[in-house]
Amino acid sequence: MAPWVAIVAGLFGSALGVPLVRIAERMLRIRRRFSPPVLVVAVAATGVLIALVVWVFGAGWELPAYLYLSFIAVVLSVVDLAEKRLPNALVYPSLLVLPVLLTLAAAATGSWPALLGACIGGASLFVFYFVLALISPAGIGMGDVKLAAVIGLALGYLGWTPLLVGSLGGFLVGSLVALVALAARRVTLRGSIPFGPSMLAGAFLGVLLA
């Protein structure tokens, strides 16, 4: 895929940033309107994610699945940063929509081993996060556990290396965010930072390897 095509796709995709934030607002428990800086960040993030996905997959059959992942990543991140939760209203449908899209891609390309990898990736990452939640419920919530299944499906389809990098990348991004927040005194050692955005950022690092 030519870089300019990805750039153009990113520019068009950025136009979806504001509508995605409006969807996030509807999922808040306490309804409110986000400020212009939030909208600007969402527009930029959406554009970058769309450009990345188009650059990696081109016009391939996998493109719809990972565009969907990009869209929900923006909505989930906005809600998690606002209320420290990942809404089931979006996570649960994603556990159905993403496998359907990946199944269609596998059927069109004959990549049935990749679909099996998606199932294994989703199950393994779900179990891993579930164990972490049992060990440290203050650090990993059940929303993170359910999101891990979604991320595992997307990364498992691409192979073991993207799955491993995407999984570890979430913890790396989360650690960096925590260090920056501590240095800026935005959080204390006893405070908590939403982990969902870091998980999704790590997931797209794994997608980049595809």
N, C-alpha and C. Protein backbone atom coordinates (compact mmCIF):
# COMPACT_ATOMS: atom_id res chain seq x y z
N MET A 1 0.84 -1.19 0.00
CA MET A 1 0.00 0.00 0.00
C MET A 1 0.88 1.24 0.00
N ALA A 2 0.64 2.14 -0.95
CA ALA A 2 1.41 3.36 -1.04
C ALA A 2 1.15 4.23 0.19
N PRO A 3 2.19 4.87 0.73
CA PRO A 3 2.01 5.70 1.94
C PRO A 3 0.97 6.79 1.75
N TRP A 4 0.89 7.38 0.55
CA TRP A 4 -0.05 8.48 0.36
C TRP A 4 -1.50 8.01 0.49
N VAL A 5 -1.75 6.74 0.13
CA VAL A 5 -3.11 6.22 0.27
C VAL A 5 -3.48 6.14 1.75
N ALA A 6 -2.54 5.67 2.56
CA ALA A 6 -2.78 5.59 3.99
C ALA A 6 -2.99 6.97 4.59
N ILE A 7 -2.21 7.94 4.12
CA ILE A 7 -2.35 9.31 4.63
C ILE A 7 -3.72 9.88 4.29
N VAL A 8 -4.16 9.68 3.05
CA VAL A 8 -5.48 10.17 2.65
C VAL A 8 -6.57 9.48 3.46
N ALA A 9 -6.42 8.16 3.65
CA ALA A 9 -7.40 7.43 4.46
C ALA A 9 -7.44 7.96 5.89
N GLY A 10 -6.26 8.30 6.41
CA GLY A 10 -6.20 8.86 7.76
C GLY A 10 -6.90 10.20 7.85
N LEU A 11 -6.75 11.01 6.83
CA LEU A 11 -7.42 12.31 6.82
C LEU A 11 -8.93 12.16 6.78
N PHE A 12 -9.40 11.23 5.94
CA PHE A 12 -10.83 10.97 5.91
C PHE A 12 -11.30 10.35 7.24
N GLY A 13 -10.47 9.45 7.77
CA GLY A 13 -10.83 8.79 9.03
C GLY A 13 -10.92 9.75 10.19
N SER A 14 -10.08 10.79 10.17
CA SER A 14 -10.10 11.75 11.27
C SER A 14 -11.45 12.45 11.39
N ALA A 15 -12.18 12.52 10.28
CA ALA A 15 -13.50 13.14 10.32
C ALA A 15 -14.47 12.35 11.20
N LEU A 16 -14.12 11.10 11.48
CA LEU A 16 -14.98 10.27 12.32
C LEU A 16 -14.68 10.45 13.81
N GLY A 17 -13.63 11.19 14.11
CA GLY A 17 -13.24 11.36 15.51
C GLY A 17 -14.33 11.98 16.36
N VAL A 18 -14.93 13.06 15.88
CA VAL A 18 -15.98 13.73 16.66
C VAL A 18 -17.21 12.83 16.83
N PRO A 19 -17.73 12.18 15.77
CA PRO A 19 -18.87 11.27 15.98
C PRO A 19 -18.56 10.15 16.97
N LEU A 20 -17.32 9.66 16.97
CA LEU A 20 -16.96 8.61 17.92
C LEU A 20 -16.98 9.13 19.35
N VAL A 21 -16.55 10.36 19.55
CA VAL A 21 -16.61 10.96 20.88
C VAL A 21 -18.07 11.13 21.31
N ARG A 22 -18.93 11.51 20.38
CA ARG A 22 -20.36 11.65 20.71
C ARG A 22 -20.95 10.30 21.13
N ILE A 23 -20.50 9.23 20.48
CA ILE A 23 -20.95 7.89 20.89
C ILE A 23 -20.46 7.60 22.31
N ALA A 24 -19.21 7.97 22.58
CA ALA A 24 -18.66 7.76 23.92
C ALA A 24 -19.46 8.52 24.97
N GLU A 25 -19.88 9.74 24.63
CA GLU A 25 -20.68 10.54 25.58
C GLU A 25 -21.98 9.83 25.93
N ARG A 26 -22.57 9.14 24.97
CA ARG A 26 -23.83 8.43 25.23
C ARG A 26 -23.63 7.23 26.14
N MET A 27 -22.39 6.75 26.24
CA MET A 27 -22.11 5.58 27.06
C MET A 27 -21.66 5.93 28.47
N LEU A 28 -21.54 7.21 28.75
CA LEU A 28 -21.15 7.64 30.08
C LEU A 28 -22.31 7.45 31.06
N ARG A 29 -22.00 7.09 32.27
CA ARG A 29 -23.03 6.98 33.30
C ARG A 29 -23.55 8.36 33.69
N ILE A 30 -22.64 9.32 33.72
CA ILE A 30 -23.02 10.70 33.99
C ILE A 30 -22.82 11.47 32.69
N ARG A 31 -23.91 11.80 32.03
CA ARG A 31 -23.83 12.43 30.72
C ARG A 31 -23.15 13.79 30.81
N ARG A 32 -22.24 14.05 29.87
CA ARG A 32 -21.61 15.35 29.77
C ARG A 32 -21.03 15.50 28.38
N ARG A 33 -20.68 16.73 28.04
CA ARG A 33 -20.05 17.03 26.77
C ARG A 33 -18.55 17.19 26.99
N PHE A 34 -17.76 16.57 26.13
CA PHE A 34 -16.33 16.71 26.25
C PHE A 34 -15.87 18.02 25.65
N SER A 35 -14.78 18.53 26.19
CA SER A 35 -14.24 19.82 25.77
C SER A 35 -13.54 19.70 24.41
N PRO A 36 -13.32 20.84 23.74
CA PRO A 36 -12.64 20.83 22.44
C PRO A 36 -11.29 20.12 22.45
N PRO A 37 -10.44 20.25 23.50
CA PRO A 37 -9.17 19.52 23.47
C PRO A 37 -9.36 18.01 23.36
N VAL A 38 -10.39 17.47 24.00
CA VAL A 38 -10.66 16.04 23.90
C VAL A 38 -11.04 15.68 22.46
N LEU A 39 -11.85 16.52 21.85
CA LEU A 39 -12.26 16.28 20.47
C LEU A 39 -11.05 16.32 19.53
N VAL A 40 -10.14 17.25 19.78
CA VAL A 40 -8.94 17.36 18.93
C VAL A 40 -8.09 16.09 19.04
N VAL A 41 -7.90 15.63 20.26
CA VAL A 41 -7.10 14.41 20.47
C VAL A 41 -7.79 13.21 19.82
N ALA A 42 -9.11 13.12 19.95
CA ALA A 42 -9.85 12.01 19.36
C ALA A 42 -9.75 12.03 17.84
N VAL A 43 -9.85 13.22 17.27
CA VAL A 43 -9.74 13.35 15.81
C VAL A 43 -8.35 12.90 15.34
N ALA A 44 -7.31 13.35 16.05
CA ALA A 44 -5.95 12.97 15.68
C ALA A 44 -5.73 11.47 15.85
N ALA A 45 -6.20 10.91 16.98
CA ALA A 45 -6.01 9.49 17.24
C ALA A 45 -6.74 8.64 16.21
N THR A 46 -7.96 9.03 15.86
CA THR A 46 -8.72 8.28 14.86
C THR A 46 -8.01 8.30 13.52
N GLY A 47 -7.53 9.45 13.13
CA GLY A 47 -6.82 9.56 11.86
C GLY A 47 -5.57 8.70 11.82
N VAL A 48 -4.81 8.71 12.90
CA VAL A 48 -3.58 7.90 12.97
C VAL A 48 -3.90 6.41 12.90
N LEU A 49 -4.91 5.98 13.65
CA LEU A 49 -5.26 4.57 13.65
C LEU A 49 -5.75 4.10 12.29
N ILE A 50 -6.60 4.90 11.65
CA ILE A 50 -7.10 4.53 10.33
C ILE A 50 -5.96 4.48 9.32
N ALA A 51 -5.07 5.45 9.37
CA ALA A 51 -3.93 5.46 8.46
C ALA A 51 -3.06 4.22 8.68
N LEU A 52 -2.83 3.87 9.94
CA LEU A 52 -2.02 2.70 10.26
C LEU A 52 -2.64 1.43 9.72
N VAL A 53 -3.94 1.26 9.95
CA VAL A 53 -4.63 0.04 9.53
C VAL A 53 -4.66 -0.07 8.01
N VAL A 54 -4.94 1.02 7.34
CA VAL A 54 -4.97 0.99 5.87
C VAL A 54 -3.59 0.71 5.31
N TRP A 55 -2.57 1.28 5.93
CA TRP A 55 -1.19 1.04 5.49
C TRP A 55 -0.79 -0.42 5.66
N VAL A 56 -1.21 -1.03 6.76
CA VAL A 56 -0.85 -2.42 7.03
C VAL A 56 -1.62 -3.40 6.16
N PHE A 57 -2.93 -3.19 6.03
CA PHE A 57 -3.78 -4.19 5.38
C PHE A 57 -4.19 -3.83 3.97
N GLY A 58 -4.02 -2.58 3.58
CA GLY A 58 -4.43 -2.19 2.24
C GLY A 58 -5.91 -2.45 2.03
N ALA A 59 -6.22 -2.98 0.86
CA ALA A 59 -7.62 -3.29 0.55
C ALA A 59 -7.93 -4.75 0.83
N GLY A 60 -7.17 -5.36 1.74
CA GLY A 60 -7.36 -6.77 2.06
C GLY A 60 -8.66 -7.05 2.79
N TRP A 61 -9.01 -8.31 2.82
CA TRP A 61 -10.26 -8.71 3.47
C TRP A 61 -10.23 -8.49 4.98
N GLU A 62 -9.04 -8.37 5.55
CA GLU A 62 -8.93 -8.15 6.99
C GLU A 62 -9.22 -6.70 7.38
N LEU A 63 -9.22 -5.81 6.40
CA LEU A 63 -9.36 -4.38 6.69
C LEU A 63 -10.60 -4.05 7.53
N PRO A 64 -11.80 -4.55 7.21
CA PRO A 64 -12.98 -4.18 8.01
C PRO A 64 -12.84 -4.53 9.49
N ALA A 65 -12.23 -5.68 9.79
CA ALA A 65 -12.09 -6.09 11.19
C ALA A 65 -11.22 -5.11 11.96
N TYR A 66 -10.14 -4.67 11.35
CA TYR A 66 -9.21 -3.81 12.07
C TYR A 66 -9.62 -2.34 12.02
N LEU A 67 -10.42 -1.96 11.03
CA LEU A 67 -11.05 -0.65 11.09
C LEU A 67 -12.04 -0.61 12.25
N TYR A 68 -12.79 -1.69 12.42
CA TYR A 68 -13.73 -1.77 13.54
C TYR A 68 -12.97 -1.66 14.86
N LEU A 69 -11.83 -2.37 14.95
CA LEU A 69 -11.03 -2.29 16.17
C LEU A 69 -10.57 -0.86 16.43
N SER A 70 -10.23 -0.13 15.36
CA SER A 70 -9.82 1.26 15.50
C SER A 70 -10.95 2.12 16.06
N PHE A 71 -12.14 1.92 15.53
CA PHE A 71 -13.28 2.73 15.97
C PHE A 71 -13.61 2.49 17.45
N ILE A 72 -13.67 1.22 17.85
CA ILE A 72 -14.01 0.95 19.24
C ILE A 72 -12.89 1.35 20.17
N ALA A 73 -11.65 1.34 19.67
CA ALA A 73 -10.53 1.75 20.51
C ALA A 73 -10.68 3.20 20.94
N VAL A 74 -11.11 4.05 20.03
CA VAL A 74 -11.30 5.47 20.36
C VAL A 74 -12.42 5.64 21.38
N VAL A 75 -13.56 4.98 21.14
CA VAL A 75 -14.71 5.12 22.05
C VAL A 75 -14.37 4.57 23.43
N LEU A 76 -13.79 3.37 23.48
CA LEU A 76 -13.47 2.75 24.76
C LEU A 76 -12.44 3.58 25.53
N SER A 77 -11.47 4.13 24.83
CA SER A 77 -10.44 4.92 25.51
C SER A 77 -11.04 6.18 26.12
N VAL A 78 -11.92 6.84 25.38
CA VAL A 78 -12.54 8.06 25.89
C VAL A 78 -13.36 7.77 27.14
N VAL A 79 -14.15 6.71 27.10
CA VAL A 79 -14.99 6.37 28.26
C VAL A 79 -14.12 5.95 29.44
N ASP A 80 -13.09 5.14 29.18
CA ASP A 80 -12.24 4.66 30.27
C ASP A 80 -11.50 5.81 30.93
N LEU A 81 -11.01 6.75 30.15
CA LEU A 81 -10.30 7.89 30.73
C LEU A 81 -11.25 8.79 31.51
N ALA A 82 -12.52 8.83 31.10
CA ALA A 82 -13.49 9.70 31.78
C ALA A 82 -14.04 9.06 33.05
N GLU A 83 -14.30 7.75 33.00
CA GLU A 83 -14.98 7.11 34.12
C GLU A 83 -14.29 5.86 34.64
N LYS A 84 -13.12 5.54 34.13
CA LYS A 84 -12.36 4.35 34.56
C LYS A 84 -13.19 3.08 34.44
N ARG A 85 -13.82 2.91 33.30
CA ARG A 85 -14.57 1.69 33.02
C ARG A 85 -14.67 1.51 31.52
N LEU A 86 -14.85 0.26 31.13
CA LEU A 86 -15.00 -0.10 29.73
C LEU A 86 -16.42 -0.62 29.55
N PRO A 87 -17.28 0.13 28.86
CA PRO A 87 -18.71 -0.20 28.81
C PRO A 87 -19.00 -1.55 28.14
N ASN A 88 -19.78 -2.36 28.85
CA ASN A 88 -20.19 -3.65 28.30
C ASN A 88 -21.01 -3.48 27.03
N ALA A 89 -21.68 -2.34 26.92
CA ALA A 89 -22.52 -2.09 25.74
C ALA A 89 -21.71 -2.08 24.45
N LEU A 90 -20.41 -1.91 24.57
CA LEU A 90 -19.55 -1.95 23.39
C LEU A 90 -18.64 -3.17 23.38
N VAL A 91 -18.18 -3.58 24.55
CA VAL A 91 -17.27 -4.73 24.62
C VAL A 91 -17.97 -6.03 24.24
N TYR A 92 -19.16 -6.26 24.77
CA TYR A 92 -19.86 -7.51 24.48
C TYR A 92 -20.19 -7.66 23.00
N PRO A 93 -20.76 -6.64 22.34
CA PRO A 93 -21.00 -6.79 20.90
C PRO A 93 -19.72 -7.03 20.10
N SER A 94 -18.62 -6.45 20.57
CA SER A 94 -17.35 -6.62 19.87
C SER A 94 -16.88 -8.07 19.90
N LEU A 95 -17.26 -8.79 20.95
CA LEU A 95 -16.90 -10.20 21.05
C LEU A 95 -17.68 -11.04 20.03
N LEU A 96 -18.66 -10.45 19.41
CA LEU A 96 -19.40 -11.11 18.33
C LEU A 96 -19.03 -10.54 16.97
N VAL A 97 -18.98 -9.20 16.89
CA VAL A 97 -18.72 -8.55 15.60
C VAL A 97 -17.32 -8.88 15.08
N LEU A 98 -16.31 -8.80 15.94
CA LEU A 98 -14.94 -9.04 15.49
C LEU A 98 -14.74 -10.47 14.98
N PRO A 99 -15.20 -11.51 15.70
CA PRO A 99 -15.07 -12.86 15.15
C PRO A 99 -15.79 -13.04 13.82
N VAL A 100 -16.95 -12.40 13.65
CA VAL A 100 -17.67 -12.51 12.38
C VAL A 100 -16.84 -11.91 11.25
N LEU A 101 -16.28 -10.73 11.48
CA LEU A 101 -15.47 -10.07 10.46
C LEU A 101 -14.21 -10.87 10.14
N LEU A 102 -13.61 -11.44 11.17
CA LEU A 102 -12.40 -12.25 10.95
C LEU A 102 -12.75 -13.55 10.23
N THR A 103 -13.91 -14.11 10.53
CA THR A 103 -14.35 -15.32 9.84
C THR A 103 -14.58 -15.05 8.36
N LEU A 104 -15.18 -13.92 8.05
CA LEU A 104 -15.39 -13.54 6.65
C LEU A 104 -14.05 -13.38 5.93
N ALA A 105 -13.08 -12.77 6.62
CA ALA A 105 -11.75 -12.60 6.03
C ALA A 105 -11.08 -13.95 5.80
N ALA A 106 -11.21 -14.84 6.77
CA ALA A 106 -10.61 -16.17 6.63
C ALA A 106 -11.26 -16.95 5.51
N ALA A 107 -12.58 -16.84 5.38
CA ALA A 107 -13.30 -17.55 4.32
C ALA A 107 -12.91 -17.03 2.95
N ALA A 108 -12.69 -15.73 2.84
CA ALA A 108 -12.36 -15.13 1.55
C ALA A 108 -10.94 -15.45 1.12
N THR A 109 -10.05 -15.62 2.09
CA THR A 109 -8.63 -15.83 1.77
C THR A 109 -8.16 -17.26 2.04
N GLY A 110 -9.03 -18.07 2.64
CA GLY A 110 -8.63 -19.42 3.00
C GLY A 110 -7.68 -19.48 4.18
N SER A 111 -7.66 -18.43 4.99
CA SER A 111 -6.74 -18.36 6.13
C SER A 111 -7.37 -18.95 7.38
N TRP A 112 -7.77 -20.20 7.30
CA TRP A 112 -8.40 -20.82 8.46
C TRP A 112 -7.45 -21.00 9.64
N PRO A 113 -6.15 -21.28 9.41
CA PRO A 113 -5.23 -21.32 10.56
C PRO A 113 -5.18 -19.99 11.31
N ALA A 114 -5.29 -18.88 10.56
CA ALA A 114 -5.29 -17.56 11.21
C ALA A 114 -6.52 -17.40 12.09
N LEU A 115 -7.66 -17.91 11.63
CA LEU A 115 -8.88 -17.83 12.43
C LEU A 115 -8.76 -18.67 13.69
N LEU A 116 -8.12 -19.83 13.57
CA LEU A 116 -7.86 -20.64 14.75
C LEU A 116 -6.95 -19.89 15.71
N GLY A 117 -5.95 -19.21 15.16
CA GLY A 117 -5.06 -18.40 16.00
C GLY A 117 -5.81 -17.31 16.72
N ALA A 118 -6.82 -16.72 16.05
CA ALA A 118 -7.64 -15.69 16.70
C ALA A 118 -8.38 -16.26 17.90
N CYS A 119 -8.95 -17.44 17.73
CA CYS A 119 -9.68 -18.08 18.84
C CYS A 119 -8.74 -18.39 20.00
N ILE A 120 -7.56 -18.92 19.67
CA ILE A 120 -6.60 -19.23 20.73
C ILE A 120 -6.10 -17.96 21.40
N GLY A 121 -5.83 -16.93 20.59
CA GLY A 121 -5.35 -15.67 21.14
C GLY A 121 -6.37 -15.02 22.06
N GLY A 122 -7.63 -15.02 21.64
CA GLY A 122 -8.67 -14.43 22.47
C GLY A 122 -8.83 -15.17 23.78
N ALA A 123 -8.82 -16.50 23.71
CA ALA A 123 -9.00 -17.30 24.93
C ALA A 123 -7.80 -17.17 25.86
N SER A 124 -6.60 -17.22 25.29
CA SER A 124 -5.40 -17.18 26.13
C SER A 124 -5.23 -15.83 26.81
N LEU A 125 -5.49 -14.74 26.07
CA LEU A 125 -5.34 -13.43 26.68
C LEU A 125 -6.43 -13.17 27.72
N PHE A 126 -7.63 -13.71 27.47
CA PHE A 126 -8.69 -13.60 28.45
C PHE A 126 -8.30 -14.30 29.75
N VAL A 127 -7.80 -15.52 29.65
CA VAL A 127 -7.39 -16.28 30.84
C VAL A 127 -6.26 -15.58 31.57
N PHE A 128 -5.30 -15.08 30.80
CA PHE A 128 -4.15 -14.40 31.41
C PHE A 128 -4.60 -13.18 32.23
N TYR A 129 -5.45 -12.36 31.66
CA TYR A 129 -5.93 -11.18 32.37
C TYR A 129 -6.86 -11.56 33.52
N PHE A 130 -7.61 -12.63 33.35
CA PHE A 130 -8.49 -13.06 34.43
C PHE A 130 -7.67 -13.47 35.66
N VAL A 131 -6.57 -14.17 35.43
CA VAL A 131 -5.68 -14.55 36.53
C VAL A 131 -5.09 -13.30 37.17
N LEU A 132 -4.68 -12.34 36.35
CA LEU A 132 -4.14 -11.09 36.89
C LEU A 132 -5.18 -10.36 37.73
N ALA A 133 -6.44 -10.39 37.27
CA ALA A 133 -7.51 -9.73 38.02
C ALA A 133 -7.74 -10.39 39.37
N LEU A 134 -7.60 -11.71 39.42
CA LEU A 134 -7.74 -12.43 40.69
C LEU A 134 -6.60 -12.11 41.63
N ILE A 135 -5.39 -11.97 41.06
CA ILE A 135 -4.21 -11.68 41.87
C ILE A 135 -4.22 -10.23 42.35
N SER A 136 -4.56 -9.32 41.44
CA SER A 136 -4.52 -7.89 41.76
C SER A 136 -5.78 -7.20 41.25
N PRO A 137 -6.90 -7.38 41.95
CA PRO A 137 -8.15 -6.76 41.49
C PRO A 137 -8.11 -5.24 41.48
N ALA A 138 -7.21 -4.63 42.25
CA ALA A 138 -7.11 -3.18 42.25
C ALA A 138 -6.41 -2.67 41.00
N GLY A 139 -5.61 -3.53 40.37
CA GLY A 139 -4.88 -3.10 39.19
C GLY A 139 -5.54 -3.47 37.88
N ILE A 140 -6.19 -4.64 37.85
CA ILE A 140 -6.84 -5.12 36.63
C ILE A 140 -8.31 -5.37 36.93
N GLY A 141 -9.19 -4.69 36.21
CA GLY A 141 -10.62 -4.87 36.41
C GLY A 141 -11.20 -5.85 35.42
N MET A 142 -12.45 -6.24 35.65
CA MET A 142 -13.09 -7.19 34.75
C MET A 142 -13.32 -6.59 33.37
N GLY A 143 -13.44 -5.27 33.30
CA GLY A 143 -13.53 -4.64 31.99
C GLY A 143 -12.27 -4.88 31.17
N ASP A 144 -11.11 -4.81 31.85
CA ASP A 144 -9.84 -5.10 31.18
C ASP A 144 -9.79 -6.55 30.73
N VAL A 145 -10.34 -7.43 31.55
CA VAL A 145 -10.34 -8.87 31.21
C VAL A 145 -11.14 -9.12 29.94
N LYS A 146 -12.31 -8.51 29.86
CA LYS A 146 -13.15 -8.69 28.67
C LYS A 146 -12.53 -8.04 27.44
N LEU A 147 -11.92 -6.89 27.64
CA LEU A 147 -11.25 -6.23 26.51
C LEU A 147 -10.08 -7.07 26.03
N ALA A 148 -9.42 -7.77 26.95
CA ALA A 148 -8.29 -8.63 26.57
C ALA A 148 -8.73 -9.70 25.58
N ALA A 149 -9.94 -10.20 25.75
CA ALA A 149 -10.44 -11.21 24.81
C ALA A 149 -10.60 -10.62 23.42
N VAL A 150 -11.10 -9.39 23.34
CA VAL A 150 -11.25 -8.71 22.05
C VAL A 150 -9.89 -8.50 21.39
N ILE A 151 -8.95 -7.99 22.18
CA ILE A 151 -7.61 -7.74 21.65
C ILE A 151 -6.93 -9.04 21.24
N GLY A 152 -7.11 -10.08 22.05
CA GLY A 152 -6.52 -11.37 21.73
C GLY A 152 -7.03 -11.94 20.41
N LEU A 153 -8.31 -11.74 20.14
CA LEU A 153 -8.87 -12.19 18.86
C LEU A 153 -8.17 -11.48 17.70
N ALA A 154 -8.06 -10.15 17.79
CA ALA A 154 -7.48 -9.37 16.71
C ALA A 154 -6.01 -9.69 16.49
N LEU A 155 -5.25 -9.83 17.58
CA LEU A 155 -3.82 -10.09 17.46
C LEU A 155 -3.54 -11.55 17.13
N GLY A 156 -4.33 -12.46 17.69
CA GLY A 156 -4.12 -13.87 17.42
C GLY A 156 -4.30 -14.21 15.95
N TYR A 157 -5.17 -13.51 15.28
CA TYR A 157 -5.39 -13.73 13.85
C TYR A 157 -4.13 -13.41 13.05
N LEU A 158 -3.34 -12.47 13.55
CA LEU A 158 -2.14 -12.03 12.83
C LEU A 158 -0.93 -12.88 13.11
N GLY A 159 -0.97 -13.68 14.17
CA GLY A 159 0.16 -14.55 14.47
C GLY A 159 0.63 -14.39 15.91
N TRP A 160 1.56 -15.26 16.29
CA TRP A 160 2.02 -15.28 17.67
C TRP A 160 2.89 -14.07 18.01
N THR A 161 3.69 -13.61 17.06
CA THR A 161 4.54 -12.45 17.35
C THR A 161 3.73 -11.19 17.60
N PRO A 162 2.76 -10.85 16.73
CA PRO A 162 1.91 -9.69 17.04
C PRO A 162 1.16 -9.86 18.36
N LEU A 163 0.72 -11.08 18.66
CA LEU A 163 0.01 -11.31 19.92
C LEU A 163 0.91 -11.04 21.11
N LEU A 164 2.14 -11.53 21.03
CA LEU A 164 3.07 -11.34 22.14
C LEU A 164 3.46 -9.88 22.29
N VAL A 165 3.81 -9.25 21.16
CA VAL A 165 4.22 -7.84 21.21
C VAL A 165 3.05 -6.95 21.65
N GLY A 166 1.86 -7.22 21.12
CA GLY A 166 0.70 -6.42 21.49
C GLY A 166 0.34 -6.57 22.96
N SER A 167 0.49 -7.78 23.48
CA SER A 167 0.17 -8.02 24.89
C SER A 167 1.17 -7.33 25.81
N LEU A 168 2.45 -7.54 25.54
CA LEU A 168 3.48 -6.91 26.37
C LEU A 168 3.52 -5.41 26.15
N GLY A 169 3.18 -4.98 24.94
CA GLY A 169 3.17 -3.55 24.65
C GLY A 169 2.19 -2.78 25.52
N GLY A 170 1.07 -3.42 25.85
CA GLY A 170 0.10 -2.77 26.72
C GLY A 170 0.68 -2.46 28.09
N PHE A 171 1.43 -3.40 28.63
CA PHE A 171 2.05 -3.17 29.94
C PHE A 171 3.18 -2.14 29.84
N LEU A 172 3.91 -2.15 28.73
CA LEU A 172 4.97 -1.17 28.54
C LEU A 172 4.39 0.24 28.46
N VAL A 173 3.35 0.40 27.63
CA VAL A 173 2.70 1.71 27.50
C VAL A 173 2.11 2.14 28.84
N GLY A 174 1.46 1.21 29.53
CA GLY A 174 0.88 1.53 30.83
C GLY A 174 1.91 1.98 31.84
N SER A 175 3.08 1.34 31.82
CA SER A 175 4.15 1.72 32.75
C SER A 175 4.67 3.12 32.43
N LEU A 176 4.84 3.40 31.15
CA LEU A 176 5.32 4.73 30.76
C LEU A 176 4.31 5.81 31.14
N VAL A 177 3.03 5.53 30.92
CA VAL A 177 1.99 6.49 31.28
C VAL A 177 1.98 6.74 32.78
N ALA A 178 2.14 5.67 33.56
CA ALA A 178 2.16 5.81 35.01
C ALA A 178 3.34 6.65 35.48
N LEU A 179 4.50 6.42 34.88
CA LEU A 179 5.69 7.19 35.25
C LEU A 179 5.52 8.67 34.93
N VAL A 180 4.96 8.96 33.75
CA VAL A 180 4.73 10.35 33.37
C VAL A 180 3.71 11.00 34.30
N ALA A 181 2.64 10.25 34.64
CA ALA A 181 1.61 10.80 35.53
C ALA A 181 2.18 11.06 36.93
N LEU A 182 3.05 10.18 37.40
CA LEU A 182 3.69 10.39 38.71
C LEU A 182 4.61 11.60 38.67
N ALA A 183 5.38 11.70 37.60
CA ALA A 183 6.31 12.83 37.48
C ALA A 183 5.56 14.15 37.40
N ALA A 184 4.41 14.13 36.75
CA ALA A 184 3.61 15.35 36.62
C ALA A 184 2.68 15.56 37.82
N ARG A 185 2.75 14.64 38.78
CA ARG A 185 1.93 14.71 39.98
C ARG A 185 0.44 14.71 39.67
N ARG A 186 0.09 13.98 38.61
CA ARG A 186 -1.33 13.83 38.27
C ARG A 186 -1.94 12.64 38.98
N VAL A 187 -1.10 11.81 39.59
CA VAL A 187 -1.57 10.64 40.32
C VAL A 187 -0.54 10.31 41.39
N THR A 188 -1.01 9.69 42.48
CA THR A 188 -0.11 9.27 43.55
C THR A 188 0.20 7.79 43.40
N LEU A 189 1.10 7.29 44.25
CA LEU A 189 1.45 5.88 44.21
C LEU A 189 0.27 4.99 44.53
N ARG A 190 -0.69 5.52 45.26
CA ARG A 190 -1.87 4.75 45.61
C ARG A 190 -3.02 4.97 44.62
N GLY A 191 -2.81 5.86 43.69
CA GLY A 191 -3.85 6.14 42.71
C GLY A 191 -3.88 5.08 41.62
N SER A 192 -4.86 5.19 40.76
CA SER A 192 -5.01 4.24 39.66
C SER A 192 -5.20 5.01 38.36
N ILE A 193 -4.72 4.40 37.29
CA ILE A 193 -4.83 4.98 35.96
C ILE A 193 -5.57 3.98 35.08
N PRO A 194 -6.54 4.43 34.30
CA PRO A 194 -7.25 3.51 33.40
C PRO A 194 -6.27 2.77 32.51
N PHE A 195 -6.41 1.44 32.46
CA PHE A 195 -5.46 0.61 31.73
C PHE A 195 -5.93 0.28 30.32
N GLY A 196 -7.23 0.48 30.05
CA GLY A 196 -7.77 0.14 28.74
C GLY A 196 -7.07 0.83 27.59
N PRO A 197 -6.85 2.16 27.66
CA PRO A 197 -6.15 2.84 26.56
C PRO A 197 -4.75 2.29 26.32
N SER A 198 -4.05 1.93 27.40
CA SER A 198 -2.71 1.35 27.24
C SER A 198 -2.78 -0.01 26.57
N MET A 199 -3.77 -0.81 26.94
CA MET A 199 -3.96 -2.11 26.30
C MET A 199 -4.19 -1.95 24.80
N LEU A 200 -5.01 -0.99 24.44
CA LEU A 200 -5.34 -0.78 23.03
C LEU A 200 -4.15 -0.21 22.27
N ALA A 201 -3.38 0.67 22.91
CA ALA A 201 -2.17 1.20 22.27
C ALA A 201 -1.18 0.07 22.01
N GLY A 202 -1.03 -0.81 22.99
CA GLY A 202 -0.15 -1.95 22.81
C GLY A 202 -0.63 -2.87 21.70
N ALA A 203 -1.95 -3.02 21.62
CA ALA A 203 -2.53 -3.87 20.57
C ALA A 203 -2.17 -3.37 19.18
N PHE A 204 -2.20 -2.06 18.99
CA PHE A 204 -1.87 -1.51 17.69
C PHE A 204 -0.37 -1.57 17.39
N LEU A 205 0.44 -1.66 18.44
CA LEU A 205 1.85 -1.96 18.19
C LEU A 205 1.99 -3.35 17.59
N GLY A 206 1.19 -4.28 18.10
CA GLY A 206 1.18 -5.62 17.53
C GLY A 206 0.65 -5.63 16.11
N VAL A 207 -0.40 -4.86 15.84
CA VAL A 207 -0.95 -4.78 14.49
C VAL A 207 0.10 -4.24 13.52
N LEU A 208 0.92 -3.30 13.99
CA LEU A 208 1.95 -2.72 13.14
C LEU A 208 2.91 -3.78 12.61
N LEU A 209 3.12 -4.84 13.39
CA LEU A 209 4.04 -5.90 12.98
C LEU A 209 3.43 -6.79 11.89
N ALA A 210 2.13 -6.66 11.68
CA ALA A 210 1.49 -7.51 10.67
C ALA A 210 1.99 -7.18 9.28
